[in-house]
Amino acid sequence: RKVYLYVVLAVSAIVASVAASSFLSWLFRLEDFSGTPLALMLVWGGLWAFHWWIENNEGQLTELGASVRRLYIYGLALFGMVELVIGAAGVLRTAMNAAYEALFNASGVLISYPALWSEAMRGSLSLILIGGLVWWWHWHRVAAGDVDSTLRHVYLYLFAILGGTAMVVSSLSVLLYRILQWLIGSPGITSARLHFDILPTLVSFVVVGGGLWGYHWAIVRQEATVAGRGLVAARRVYSYLVSAVGLVTLSVGLV
C-alpha cells in the first residue's frame, strides 16, 4: 500500500510540475495557449493532494513504510533541485549573454529588453518557479529534521555536493582550455569575441554549481554535530568525493 501511495505521489507530482511549467510558459507568452497543460496540472495536482492527505492521515506504521516515504521525499527533492539548477543557470546565462553582447556592441547600446526577456529567460524562470517550489516543499518542509537518514546523505553527498563540485571543475576546465587555445593553440577564428562567447555559459555554471556546493556543504556541517556522527566523518566523505572528481578530471586531461 505504501509503495502504491508513493508511486502515485511521485508520478502525479512530476506530471503536475511539468504541466505547470508549460502553463507558466504560456503566461510568459512563450507558447500558444493549450488547455492540455492546465488540465494536466489540475487533475494530477488534485491526485497528488488527495493521496498526500491520505498518507498523512495514515502515518508511518513500519520501518519499511518510512523508508519508502524517504525514497519519495528525496527523489522529488532531487527532481526539484535539478529543475531549479537548470533554471538558475539558464537565467544567469541569458542575462550574461545579453551583457556580453552589449559589451562588444560597437554602437554603445546597453542591454536591450528583447535580448534580456527572451524565450530562454522565460523558460528558465518557469523552471525556477516550479522546480523551486517542488524542492522547497520536499526538502524544507517534509524532510526537515530527518538528519539520520541514509537517503538524505546520498542526496547531500552524491548528488548535491558532488554535482556542484563537478559543475565548477568541468566549467573551469573548459574555460582554461579556451584561454590556452587562444594563447598557444589554434583557435580557428581571429575574433576574441566569438572565441570566448562561451564565457557567459561557463560563468553561470560556476556560480550555480558553487552555490549548490556551498549551500549543501553548510547543511552537512550543521547536521553533522546534531546527528551524532561528528564533523570528522562528514569531512572524510566530502574529501573522498572531491578527490574522485579531481582524479577523473586529471585522468581525462592526461589521456
C-alpha atoms as a PDB file:
ATOM      1  CA  ARG A   1       0.000   0.000   0.000  1.00  0.00           C
ATOM      2  CA  LYS A   2       2.812   2.387   0.872  1.00  0.00           C
ATOM      3  CA  VAL A   3       4.566   1.662  -2.399  1.00  0.00           C
ATOM      4  CA  TYR A   4       1.316   2.285  -4.270  1.00  0.00           C
ATOM      5  CA  LEU A   5       0.712   5.594  -2.485  1.00  0.00           C
ATOM      6  CA  TYR A   6       4.201   6.953  -3.015  1.00  0.00           C
ATOM      7  CA  VAL A   7       4.403   5.828  -6.634  1.00  0.00           C
ATOM      8  CA  VAL A   8       1.154   7.711  -7.264  1.00  0.00           C
ATOM      9  CA  LEU A   9       2.507  10.709  -5.362  1.00  0.00           C
ATOM     10  CA  ALA A  10       5.767  10.720  -7.323  1.00  0.00           C
ATOM     11  CA  VAL A  11       4.151  10.320 -10.740  1.00  0.00           C
ATOM     12  CA  SER A  12       1.430  12.891 -10.052  1.00  0.00           C
ATOM     13  CA  ALA A  13       3.931  15.422  -8.671  1.00  0.00           C
ATOM     14  CA  ILE A  14       6.232  15.095 -11.686  1.00  0.00           C
ATOM     15  CA  VAL A  15       3.408  15.275 -14.244  1.00  0.00           C
ATOM     16  CA  ALA A  16       1.783  18.234 -12.462  1.00  0.00           C
ATOM     17  CA  SER A  17       5.088  20.122 -12.209  1.00  0.00           C
ATOM     18  CA  VAL A  18       5.931  19.608 -15.893  1.00  0.00           C
ATOM     19  CA  ALA A  19       2.416  20.743 -16.836  1.00  0.00           C
ATOM     20  CA  ALA A  20       2.731  23.766 -14.537  1.00  0.00           C
ATOM     21  CA  SER A  21       5.980  24.725 -16.275  1.00  0.00           C
ATOM     22  CA  SER A  22       4.200  24.570 -19.635  1.00  0.00           C
ATOM     23  CA  PHE A  23       1.347  26.659 -18.258  1.00  0.00           C
ATOM     24  CA  LEU A  24       3.792  29.270 -16.983  1.00  0.00           C
ATOM     25  CA  SER A  25       5.409  29.310 -20.405  1.00  0.00           C
ATOM     26  CA  TRP A  26       2.045  30.341 -21.802  1.00  0.00           C
ATOM     27  CA  LEU A  27       1.684  33.010 -19.123  1.00  0.00           C
ATOM     28  CA  PHE A  28       5.109  34.340 -20.100  1.00  0.00           C
ATOM     29  CA  ARG A  29       3.970  34.255 -23.759  1.00  0.00           C
ATOM     30  CA  LEU A  30       6.494  31.605 -24.687  1.00  0.00           C
ATOM     31  CA  GLU A  31       3.933  29.254 -26.263  1.00  0.00           C
ATOM     32  CA  ASP A  32       0.457  29.393 -27.762  1.00  0.00           C
ATOM     33  CA  PHE A  33      -2.326  28.553 -25.330  1.00  0.00           C
ATOM     34  CA  SER A  34      -3.303  24.933 -24.952  1.00  0.00           C
ATOM     35  CA  GLY A  35      -5.779  23.526 -22.487  1.00  0.00           C
ATOM     36  CA  THR A  36      -3.792  20.321 -22.010  1.00  0.00           C
ATOM     37  CA  PRO A  37      -1.133  21.679 -19.587  1.00  0.00           C
ATOM     38  CA  LEU A  38      -3.786  23.363 -17.450  1.00  0.00           C
ATOM     39  CA  ALA A  39      -5.911  20.197 -17.386  1.00  0.00           C
ATOM     40  CA  LEU A  40      -2.896  18.043 -16.515  1.00  0.00           C
ATOM     41  CA  MET A  41      -1.879  20.430 -13.742  1.00  0.00           C
ATOM     42  CA  LEU A  42      -5.362  20.473 -12.192  1.00  0.00           C
ATOM     43  CA  VAL A  43      -6.055  16.732 -12.479  1.00  0.00           C
ATOM     44  CA  TRP A  44      -2.650  15.409 -11.430  1.00  0.00           C
ATOM     45  CA  GLY A  45      -2.212  18.150  -8.841  1.00  0.00           C
ATOM     46  CA  GLY A  46      -5.525  17.126  -7.343  1.00  0.00           C
ATOM     47  CA  LEU A  47      -4.449  13.475  -7.350  1.00  0.00           C
ATOM     48  CA  TRP A  48      -1.254  14.404  -5.536  1.00  0.00           C
ATOM     49  CA  ALA A  49      -3.091  16.480  -2.914  1.00  0.00           C
ATOM     50  CA  PHE A  50      -5.672  13.751  -2.308  1.00  0.00           C
ATOM     51  CA  HIS A  51      -3.111  10.960  -1.858  1.00  0.00           C
ATOM     52  CA  TRP A  52      -0.865  13.178   0.274  1.00  0.00           C
ATOM     53  CA  TRP A  53      -3.819  13.790   2.590  1.00  0.00           C
ATOM     54  CA  ILE A  54      -4.471  10.045   2.795  1.00  0.00           C
ATOM     55  CA  GLU A  55      -0.836   9.282   3.556  1.00  0.00           C
ATOM     56  CA  ASN A  56      -0.557  11.949   6.244  1.00  0.00           C
ATOM     57  CA  ASN A  57      -3.652  10.602   7.990  1.00  0.00           C
ATOM     58  CA  GLU A  58      -2.387   7.020   7.895  1.00  0.00           C
ATOM     59  CA  GLY A  59       1.075   7.766   9.246  1.00  0.00           C
ATOM     60  CA  GLN A  60       4.133   5.511   9.075  1.00  0.00           C
ATOM     61  CA  LEU A  61       3.296   2.098  10.513  1.00  0.00           C
ATOM     62  CA  THR A  62       6.535   0.236   9.827  1.00  0.00           C
ATOM     63  CA  GLU A  63      10.204   0.934   9.220  1.00  0.00           C
ATOM     64  CA  LEU A  64       9.769  -0.202   5.619  1.00  0.00           C
ATOM     65  CA  GLY A  65       6.961   2.319   5.125  1.00  0.00           C
ATOM     66  CA  ALA A  66       9.210   5.073   6.458  1.00  0.00           C
ATOM     67  CA  SER A  67      11.929   4.008   4.014  1.00  0.00           C
ATOM     68  CA  VAL A  68       9.530   4.162   1.075  1.00  0.00           C
ATOM     69  CA  ARG A  69       8.466   7.614   2.234  1.00  0.00           C
ATOM     70  CA  ARG A  70      12.084   8.779   2.349  1.00  0.00           C
ATOM     71  CA  LEU A  71      12.709   7.402  -1.136  1.00  0.00           C
ATOM     72  CA  TYR A  72       9.828   9.503  -2.425  1.00  0.00           C
ATOM     73  CA  ILE A  73      10.827  12.624  -0.491  1.00  0.00           C
ATOM     74  CA  TYR A  74      14.472  12.734  -1.551  1.00  0.00           C
ATOM     75  CA  GLY A  75      13.693  11.601  -5.081  1.00  0.00           C
ATOM     76  CA  LEU A  76      11.285  14.511  -5.555  1.00  0.00           C
ATOM     77  CA  ALA A  77      13.665  16.883  -3.777  1.00  0.00           C
ATOM     78  CA  LEU A  78      16.319  15.846  -6.292  1.00  0.00           C
ATOM     79  CA  PHE A  79      13.894  16.360  -9.185  1.00  0.00           C
ATOM     80  CA  GLY A  80      13.032  19.845  -7.970  1.00  0.00           C
ATOM     81  CA  MET A  81      16.681  20.675  -7.320  1.00  0.00           C
ATOM     82  CA  VAL A  82      17.671  19.693 -10.868  1.00  0.00           C
ATOM     83  CA  GLU A  83      14.914  21.878 -12.322  1.00  0.00           C
ATOM     84  CA  LEU A  84      15.951  24.739 -10.053  1.00  0.00           C
ATOM     85  CA  VAL A  85      19.625  24.438 -11.009  1.00  0.00           C
ATOM     86  CA  ILE A  86      18.858  24.272 -14.738  1.00  0.00           C
ATOM     87  CA  GLY A  87      16.548  27.272 -14.464  1.00  0.00           C
ATOM     88  CA  ALA A  88      19.002  29.343 -12.411  1.00  0.00           C
ATOM     89  CA  ALA A  89      21.841  28.563 -14.806  1.00  0.00           C
ATOM     90  CA  GLY A  90      19.593  29.495 -17.733  1.00  0.00           C
ATOM     91  CA  VAL A  91      18.623  32.840 -16.205  1.00  0.00           C
ATOM     92  CA  LEU A  92      22.245  33.746 -15.457  1.00  0.00           C
ATOM     93  CA  ARG A  93      23.384  32.579 -18.878  1.00  0.00           C
ATOM     94  CA  THR A  94      20.760  34.649 -20.693  1.00  0.00           C
ATOM     95  CA  ALA A  95      21.496  37.761 -18.651  1.00  0.00           C
ATOM     96  CA  MET A  96      25.268  37.388 -19.074  1.00  0.00           C
ATOM     97  CA  ASN A  97      24.901  36.700 -22.793  1.00  0.00           C
ATOM     98  CA  ALA A  98      22.961  39.936 -23.177  1.00  0.00           C
ATOM     99  CA  ALA A  99      25.595  41.804 -21.165  1.00  0.00           C
ATOM    100  CA  TYR A 100      28.402  40.164 -23.163  1.00  0.00           C
ATOM    101  CA  GLU A 101      26.880  41.192 -26.482  1.00  0.00           C
ATOM    102  CA  ALA A 102      26.205  44.718 -25.207  1.00  0.00           C
ATOM    103  CA  LEU A 103      29.809  44.995 -24.036  1.00  0.00           C
ATOM    104  CA  PHE A 104      31.128  44.350 -27.544  1.00  0.00           C
ATOM    105  CA  ASN A 105      28.403  46.337 -29.294  1.00  0.00           C
ATOM    106  CA  ALA A 106      30.119  48.967 -31.367  1.00  0.00           C
ATOM    107  CA  SER A 107      27.125  51.297 -31.245  1.00  0.00           C
ATOM    108  CA  GLY A 108      27.322  51.523 -27.474  1.00  0.00           C
ATOM    109  CA  VAL A 109      23.746  50.333 -26.926  1.00  0.00           C
ATOM    110  CA  LEU A 110      23.120  48.884 -23.486  1.00  0.00           C
ATOM    111  CA  ILE A 111      21.325  45.632 -22.821  1.00  0.00           C
ATOM    112  CA  SER A 112      18.095  45.611 -24.805  1.00  0.00           C
ATOM    113  CA  TYR A 113      14.794  44.396 -23.405  1.00  0.00           C
ATOM    114  CA  PRO A 114      14.193  41.780 -26.145  1.00  0.00           C
ATOM    115  CA  ALA A 115      17.646  40.280 -25.564  1.00  0.00           C
ATOM    116  CA  LEU A 116      17.053  40.047 -21.820  1.00  0.00           C
ATOM    117  CA  TRP A 117      13.389  38.958 -21.836  1.00  0.00           C
ATOM    118  CA  SER A 118      13.929  36.215 -24.405  1.00  0.00           C
ATOM    119  CA  GLU A 119      12.330  32.798 -24.732  1.00  0.00           C
ATOM    120  CA  ALA A 120      15.289  31.246 -22.919  1.00  0.00           C
ATOM    121  CA  MET A 121      14.860  33.640 -19.993  1.00  0.00           C
ATOM    122  CA  ARG A 122      11.121  32.988 -19.685  1.00  0.00           C
ATOM    123  CA  GLY A 123      11.549  29.226 -19.944  1.00  0.00           C
ATOM    124  CA  SER A 124      14.272  29.312 -17.285  1.00  0.00           C
ATOM    125  CA  LEU A 125      12.101  31.390 -14.975  1.00  0.00           C
ATOM    126  CA  SER A 126       9.293  28.844 -15.234  1.00  0.00           C
ATOM    127  CA  LEU A 127      11.756  26.099 -14.246  1.00  0.00           C
ATOM    128  CA  ILE A 128      12.940  28.148 -11.285  1.00  0.00           C
ATOM    129  CA  LEU A 129       9.419  28.777 -10.010  1.00  0.00           C
ATOM    130  CA  ILE A 130       8.107  25.229 -10.359  1.00  0.00           C
ATOM    131  CA  GLY A 131      11.328  23.389  -9.551  1.00  0.00           C
ATOM    132  CA  GLY A 132      11.983  25.670  -6.607  1.00  0.00           C
ATOM    133  CA  LEU A 133       8.500  25.033  -5.244  1.00  0.00           C
ATOM    134  CA  VAL A 134       8.868  21.233  -5.548  1.00  0.00           C
ATOM    135  CA  TRP A 135      12.328  21.319  -3.969  1.00  0.00           C
ATOM    136  CA  TRP A 136      11.324  23.665  -1.150  1.00  0.00           C
ATOM    137  CA  TRP A 137       8.276  21.611  -0.195  1.00  0.00           C
ATOM    138  CA  HIS A 138      10.051  18.263  -0.060  1.00  0.00           C
ATOM    139  CA  TRP A 139      13.399  19.451   1.291  1.00  0.00           C
ATOM    140  CA  HIS A 140      12.461  22.213   3.749  1.00  0.00           C
ATOM    141  CA  ARG A 141       9.003  21.115   4.831  1.00  0.00           C
ATOM    142  CA  VAL A 142       8.746  17.333   4.583  1.00  0.00           C
ATOM    143  CA  ALA A 143      12.378  16.299   5.105  1.00  0.00           C
ATOM    144  CA  ALA A 144      13.085  18.783   7.891  1.00  0.00           C
ATOM    145  CA  GLY A 145      14.774  17.152  10.879  1.00  0.00           C
ATOM    146  CA  ASP A 146      15.446  13.824   9.157  1.00  0.00           C
ATOM    147  CA  VAL A 147      19.182  14.080   9.824  1.00  0.00           C
ATOM    148  CA  ASP A 148      19.861  10.363  10.424  1.00  0.00           C
ATOM    149  CA  SER A 149      18.519   9.136   7.087  1.00  0.00           C
ATOM    150  CA  THR A 150      20.887   7.268   4.784  1.00  0.00           C
ATOM    151  CA  LEU A 151      18.983   8.501   1.722  1.00  0.00           C
ATOM    152  CA  ARG A 152      19.451  12.050   2.951  1.00  0.00           C
ATOM    153  CA  HIS A 153      23.209  11.502   2.997  1.00  0.00           C
ATOM    154  CA  VAL A 154      23.074  10.039  -0.512  1.00  0.00           C
ATOM    155  CA  TYR A 155      21.150  13.085  -1.691  1.00  0.00           C
ATOM    156  CA  LEU A 156      23.525  15.503   0.019  1.00  0.00           C
ATOM    157  CA  TYR A 157      26.860  13.933  -0.870  1.00  0.00           C
ATOM    158  CA  LEU A 158      26.325  12.034  -4.103  1.00  0.00           C
ATOM    159  CA  PHE A 159      24.023  14.444  -5.917  1.00  0.00           C
ATOM    160  CA  ALA A 160      24.152  17.914  -4.360  1.00  0.00           C
ATOM    161  CA  ILE A 161      27.759  18.337  -3.194  1.00  0.00           C
ATOM    162  CA  LEU A 162      29.340  16.117  -5.835  1.00  0.00           C
ATOM    163  CA  GLY A 163      27.124  17.589  -8.562  1.00  0.00           C
ATOM    164  CA  GLY A 164      28.009  21.158  -7.615  1.00  0.00           C
ATOM    165  CA  THR A 165      31.713  20.324  -7.465  1.00  0.00           C
ATOM    166  CA  ALA A 166      31.589  18.614 -10.867  1.00  0.00           C
ATOM    167  CA  MET A 167      29.849  21.651 -12.394  1.00  0.00           C
ATOM    168  CA  VAL A 168      32.540  24.008 -11.095  1.00  0.00           C
ATOM    169  CA  VAL A 169      35.500  21.810 -12.035  1.00  0.00           C
ATOM    170  CA  SER A 170      34.262  20.970 -15.538  1.00  0.00           C
ATOM    171  CA  SER A 171      33.330  24.599 -16.304  1.00  0.00           C
ATOM    172  CA  LEU A 172      36.685  25.929 -15.127  1.00  0.00           C
ATOM    173  CA  SER A 173      38.449  23.226 -17.149  1.00  0.00           C
ATOM    174  CA  VAL A 174      36.664  24.267 -20.347  1.00  0.00           C
ATOM    175  CA  LEU A 175      37.389  27.927 -19.616  1.00  0.00           C
ATOM    176  CA  LEU A 176      41.084  27.210 -19.088  1.00  0.00           C
ATOM    177  CA  TYR A 177      41.142  25.210 -22.316  1.00  0.00           C
ATOM    178  CA  ARG A 178      39.675  28.142 -24.251  1.00  0.00           C
ATOM    179  CA  ILE A 179      42.272  30.500 -22.755  1.00  0.00           C
ATOM    180  CA  LEU A 180      45.169  28.179 -23.570  1.00  0.00           C
ATOM    181  CA  GLN A 181      43.810  27.553 -27.057  1.00  0.00           C
ATOM    182  CA  TRP A 182      43.697  31.308 -27.679  1.00  0.00           C
ATOM    183  CA  LEU A 183      47.219  31.872 -26.321  1.00  0.00           C
ATOM    184  CA  ILE A 184      49.238  28.890 -27.578  1.00  0.00           C
ATOM    185  CA  GLY A 185      46.878  26.830 -29.728  1.00  0.00           C
ATOM    186  CA  SER A 186      44.902  27.113 -32.936  1.00  0.00           C
ATOM    187  CA  PRO A 187      41.571  28.758 -32.126  1.00  0.00           C
ATOM    188  CA  GLY A 188      40.456  28.687 -35.772  1.00  0.00           C
ATOM    189  CA  ILE A 189      38.973  32.203 -35.608  1.00  0.00           C
ATOM    190  CA  THR A 190      40.602  35.595 -35.154  1.00  0.00           C
ATOM    191  CA  SER A 191      37.786  37.245 -33.205  1.00  0.00           C
ATOM    192  CA  ALA A 192      38.201  37.146 -29.431  1.00  0.00           C
ATOM    193  CA  ARG A 193      34.508  37.931 -29.015  1.00  0.00           C
ATOM    194  CA  LEU A 194      33.485  34.820 -30.931  1.00  0.00           C
ATOM    195  CA  HIS A 195      36.164  32.634 -29.366  1.00  0.00           C
ATOM    196  CA  PHE A 196      35.095  33.491 -25.823  1.00  0.00           C
ATOM    197  CA  ASP A 197      31.337  33.581 -26.494  1.00  0.00           C
ATOM    198  CA  ILE A 198      31.002  30.526 -24.243  1.00  0.00           C
ATOM    199  CA  LEU A 199      32.192  32.615 -21.279  1.00  0.00           C
ATOM    200  CA  PRO A 200      28.663  33.576 -20.044  1.00  0.00           C
ATOM    201  CA  THR A 201      27.605  29.921 -20.029  1.00  0.00           C
ATOM    202  CA  LEU A 202      30.699  28.809 -18.131  1.00  0.00           C
ATOM    203  CA  VAL A 203      30.431  31.606 -15.583  1.00  0.00           C
ATOM    204  CA  SER A 204      26.770  30.801 -14.956  1.00  0.00           C
ATOM    205  CA  PHE A 205      27.640  27.132 -14.367  1.00  0.00           C
ATOM    206  CA  VAL A 206      30.434  28.098 -11.966  1.00  0.00           C
ATOM    207  CA  VAL A 207      28.156  30.433  -9.988  1.00  0.00           C
ATOM    208  CA  VAL A 208      25.241  27.989  -9.786  1.00  0.00           C
ATOM    209  CA  GLY A 209      27.481  24.983  -9.106  1.00  0.00           C
ATOM    210  CA  GLY A 210      29.344  26.899  -6.414  1.00  0.00           C
ATOM    211  CA  GLY A 211      26.087  27.934  -4.802  1.00  0.00           C
ATOM    212  CA  LEU A 212      24.813  24.345  -4.930  1.00  0.00           C
ATOM    213  CA  TRP A 213      28.000  23.079  -3.313  1.00  0.00           C
ATOM    214  CA  GLY A 214      28.232  25.839  -0.717  1.00  0.00           C
ATOM    215  CA  TYR A 215      24.633  25.576   0.478  1.00  0.00           C
ATOM    216  CA  HIS A 216      24.613  21.806   0.889  1.00  0.00           C
ATOM    217  CA  TRP A 217      28.075  21.687   2.448  1.00  0.00           C
ATOM    218  CA  ALA A 218      26.842  24.194   5.040  1.00  0.00           C
ATOM    219  CA  ILE A 219      23.874  21.887   5.678  1.00  0.00           C
ATOM    220  CA  VAL A 220      26.244  18.928   6.146  1.00  0.00           C
ATOM    221  CA  ARG A 221      28.406  20.866   8.622  1.00  0.00           C
ATOM    222  CA  GLN A 222      25.320  21.921  10.555  1.00  0.00           C
ATOM    223  CA  GLU A 223      23.760  18.459  10.701  1.00  0.00           C
ATOM    224  CA  ALA A 224      26.975  16.547  11.417  1.00  0.00           C
ATOM    225  CA  THR A 225      27.020  17.566  15.084  1.00  0.00           C
ATOM    226  CA  VAL A 226      23.246  17.129  15.515  1.00  0.00           C
ATOM    227  CA  ALA A 227      23.192  13.619  14.072  1.00  0.00           C
ATOM    228  CA  GLY A 228      25.917  12.448  16.437  1.00  0.00           C
ATOM    229  CA  ARG A 229      28.296  11.274  13.725  1.00  0.00           C
ATOM    230  CA  GLY A 230      30.591  14.265  14.098  1.00  0.00           C
ATOM    231  CA  LEU A 231      32.083  16.604  11.573  1.00  0.00           C
ATOM    232  CA  VAL A 232      35.109  14.361  11.015  1.00  0.00           C
ATOM    233  CA  ALA A 233      33.062  11.679   9.247  1.00  0.00           C
ATOM    234  CA  ALA A 234      31.361  14.299   7.084  1.00  0.00           C
ATOM    235  CA  ARG A 235      34.729  15.750   6.109  1.00  0.00           C
ATOM    236  CA  ARG A 236      36.005  12.288   5.171  1.00  0.00           C
ATOM    237  CA  VAL A 237      33.101  11.603   2.834  1.00  0.00           C
ATOM    238  CA  TYR A 238      33.429  15.062   1.312  1.00  0.00           C
ATOM    239  CA  SER A 239      37.193  14.741   0.857  1.00  0.00           C
ATOM    240  CA  TYR A 240      36.969  11.419  -0.953  1.00  0.00           C
ATOM    241  CA  LEU A 241      34.170  12.626  -3.238  1.00  0.00           C
ATOM    242  CA  VAL A 242      36.047  15.770  -4.249  1.00  0.00           C
ATOM    243  CA  SER A 243      39.224  13.702  -4.675  1.00  0.00           C
ATOM    244  CA  ALA A 244      37.300  11.457  -7.060  1.00  0.00           C
ATOM    245  CA  VAL A 245      36.231  14.481  -9.116  1.00  0.00           C
ATOM    246  CA  GLY A 246      39.821  15.691  -9.264  1.00  0.00           C
ATOM    247  CA  LEU A 247      41.097  12.239 -10.208  1.00  0.00           C
ATOM    248  CA  VAL A 248      38.596  11.852 -13.055  1.00  0.00           C
ATOM    249  CA  THR A 249      39.432  15.333 -14.345  1.00  0.00           C
ATOM    250  CA  LEU A 250      43.165  14.614 -14.144  1.00  0.00           C
ATOM    251  CA  SER A 251      42.839  11.271 -15.946  1.00  0.00           C
ATOM    252  CA  VAL A 252      40.793  12.837 -18.756  1.00  0.00           C
ATOM    253  CA  GLY A 253      43.424  15.556 -19.118  1.00  0.00           C
ATOM    254  CA  LEU A 254      46.278  13.036 -19.195  1.00  0.00           C
ATOM    255  CA  VAL A 255      44.525  10.950 -21.850  1.00  0.00           C
END
